[in-house]
Amino acid sequence: MLFRGIVNLSGRSTALDQPYWYVGISFAILAIVSLFFQKKNSK
């Protein structure tokens, strides 16, 4: 999946790991929020 690809891109360097995690988490939050709003609008 996309998340695995991001982790693979960062490789062994932990310094680059942090930003990638933030990007992945922010994308997940955005997806959940958009789904939430779609459900609210449909009702």
N, C-alpha and C. Protein backbone atom coordinates (compact mmCIF):
# COMPACT_ATOMS: atom_id res chain seq x y z
N MET A 1 0.83 -1.20 0.00
CA MET A 1 0.00 0.00 0.00
C MET A 1 0.87 1.26 0.00
N LEU A 2 0.22 2.41 -0.03
CA LEU A 2 0.95 3.69 -0.06
C LEU A 2 1.83 3.85 1.16
N PHE A 3 1.30 3.44 2.33
CA PHE A 3 2.04 3.61 3.58
C PHE A 3 3.35 2.82 3.55
N ARG A 4 3.29 1.59 3.02
CA ARG A 4 4.49 0.76 2.93
C ARG A 4 5.52 1.40 1.99
N GLY A 5 5.02 1.98 0.91
CA GLY A 5 5.91 2.65 -0.04
C GLY A 5 6.62 3.83 0.60
N ILE A 6 5.89 4.59 1.41
CA ILE A 6 6.49 5.74 2.10
C ILE A 6 7.58 5.26 3.05
N VAL A 7 7.30 4.18 3.79
CA VAL A 7 8.28 3.65 4.75
C VAL A 7 9.51 3.15 3.99
N ASN A 8 9.28 2.50 2.84
CA ASN A 8 10.41 1.99 2.05
C ASN A 8 11.25 3.14 1.50
N LEU A 9 10.61 4.23 1.10
CA LEU A 9 11.33 5.38 0.56
C LEU A 9 12.28 5.97 1.60
N SER A 10 11.80 6.04 2.85
CA SER A 10 12.62 6.62 3.92
C SER A 10 13.83 5.74 4.19
N GLY A 11 13.69 4.43 3.98
CA GLY A 11 14.83 3.52 4.15
C GLY A 11 15.24 3.37 5.60
N ARG A 12 16.56 3.29 5.84
CA ARG A 12 17.06 3.05 7.20
C ARG A 12 17.19 4.34 8.00
N SER A 13 17.26 5.48 7.31
CA SER A 13 17.50 6.75 8.01
C SER A 13 16.29 7.14 8.84
N THR A 14 16.48 7.26 10.15
CA THR A 14 15.38 7.61 11.05
C THR A 14 15.12 9.12 11.01
N ALA A 15 16.12 9.90 10.57
CA ALA A 15 15.96 11.35 10.49
C ALA A 15 14.87 11.70 9.47
N LEU A 16 14.81 10.93 8.36
CA LEU A 16 13.80 11.17 7.34
C LEU A 16 12.48 10.50 7.69
N ASP A 17 12.51 9.58 8.67
CA ASP A 17 11.32 8.82 9.03
C ASP A 17 10.21 9.74 9.55
N GLN A 18 10.57 10.70 10.38
CA GLN A 18 9.57 11.53 11.05
C GLN A 18 8.64 12.27 10.07
N PRO A 19 9.17 13.04 9.11
CA PRO A 19 8.29 13.78 8.19
C PRO A 19 7.35 12.86 7.43
N TYR A 20 7.85 11.68 7.01
CA TYR A 20 7.02 10.75 6.25
C TYR A 20 5.85 10.26 7.11
N TRP A 21 6.11 10.01 8.39
CA TRP A 21 5.05 9.57 9.30
C TRP A 21 4.00 10.67 9.42
N TYR A 22 4.43 11.92 9.57
CA TYR A 22 3.48 13.03 9.69
C TYR A 22 2.61 13.15 8.44
N VAL A 23 3.24 12.98 7.28
CA VAL A 23 2.49 13.06 6.01
C VAL A 23 1.46 11.94 5.95
N GLY A 24 1.88 10.73 6.31
CA GLY A 24 0.96 9.58 6.27
C GLY A 24 -0.21 9.76 7.22
N ILE A 25 0.09 10.23 8.44
CA ILE A 25 -0.96 10.43 9.44
C ILE A 25 -1.91 11.54 9.00
N SER A 26 -1.35 12.62 8.46
CA SER A 26 -2.20 13.73 8.02
C SER A 26 -3.12 13.29 6.88
N PHE A 27 -2.60 12.45 5.96
CA PHE A 27 -3.43 11.93 4.86
C PHE A 27 -4.56 11.08 5.41
N ALA A 28 -4.24 10.23 6.41
CA ALA A 28 -5.26 9.36 7.02
C ALA A 28 -6.35 10.20 7.68
N ILE A 29 -5.94 11.25 8.41
CA ILE A 29 -6.90 12.13 9.09
C ILE A 29 -7.78 12.83 8.05
N LEU A 30 -7.17 13.31 6.97
CA LEU A 30 -7.93 13.99 5.92
C LEU A 30 -8.97 13.05 5.32
N ALA A 31 -8.58 11.79 5.07
CA ALA A 31 -9.50 10.81 4.49
C ALA A 31 -10.68 10.56 5.43
N ILE A 32 -10.39 10.41 6.73
CA ILE A 32 -11.44 10.14 7.72
C ILE A 32 -12.39 11.35 7.82
N VAL A 33 -11.81 12.56 7.84
CA VAL A 33 -12.62 13.78 7.95
C VAL A 33 -13.51 13.93 6.72
N SER A 34 -12.96 13.68 5.53
CA SER A 34 -13.75 13.81 4.30
C SER A 34 -14.90 12.81 4.28
N LEU A 35 -14.62 11.57 4.74
CA LEU A 35 -15.68 10.56 4.82
C LEU A 35 -16.76 11.00 5.79
N PHE A 36 -16.35 11.57 6.91
CA PHE A 36 -17.29 12.03 7.94
C PHE A 36 -18.21 13.11 7.37
N PHE A 37 -17.63 14.07 6.64
CA PHE A 37 -18.42 15.16 6.06
C PHE A 37 -19.36 14.63 4.98
N GLN A 38 -18.90 13.65 4.20
CA GLN A 38 -19.75 13.06 3.15
C GLN A 38 -20.97 12.40 3.77
N LYS A 39 -20.77 11.69 4.89
CA LYS A 39 -21.89 11.03 5.56
C LYS A 39 -22.87 12.06 6.12
N LYS A 40 -22.34 13.16 6.67
CA LYS A 40 -23.19 14.21 7.23
C LYS A 40 -24.00 14.89 6.13
N ASN A 41 -23.38 15.13 4.98
CA ASN A 41 -24.06 15.82 3.88
C ASN A 41 -25.15 14.95 3.26
N SER A 42 -24.94 13.63 3.23
CA SER A 42 -25.90 12.73 2.58
C SER A 42 -27.19 12.62 3.40
N LYS A 43 -27.10 12.83 4.71
CA LYS A 43 -28.29 12.67 5.57
C LYS A 43 -29.23 13.86 5.48
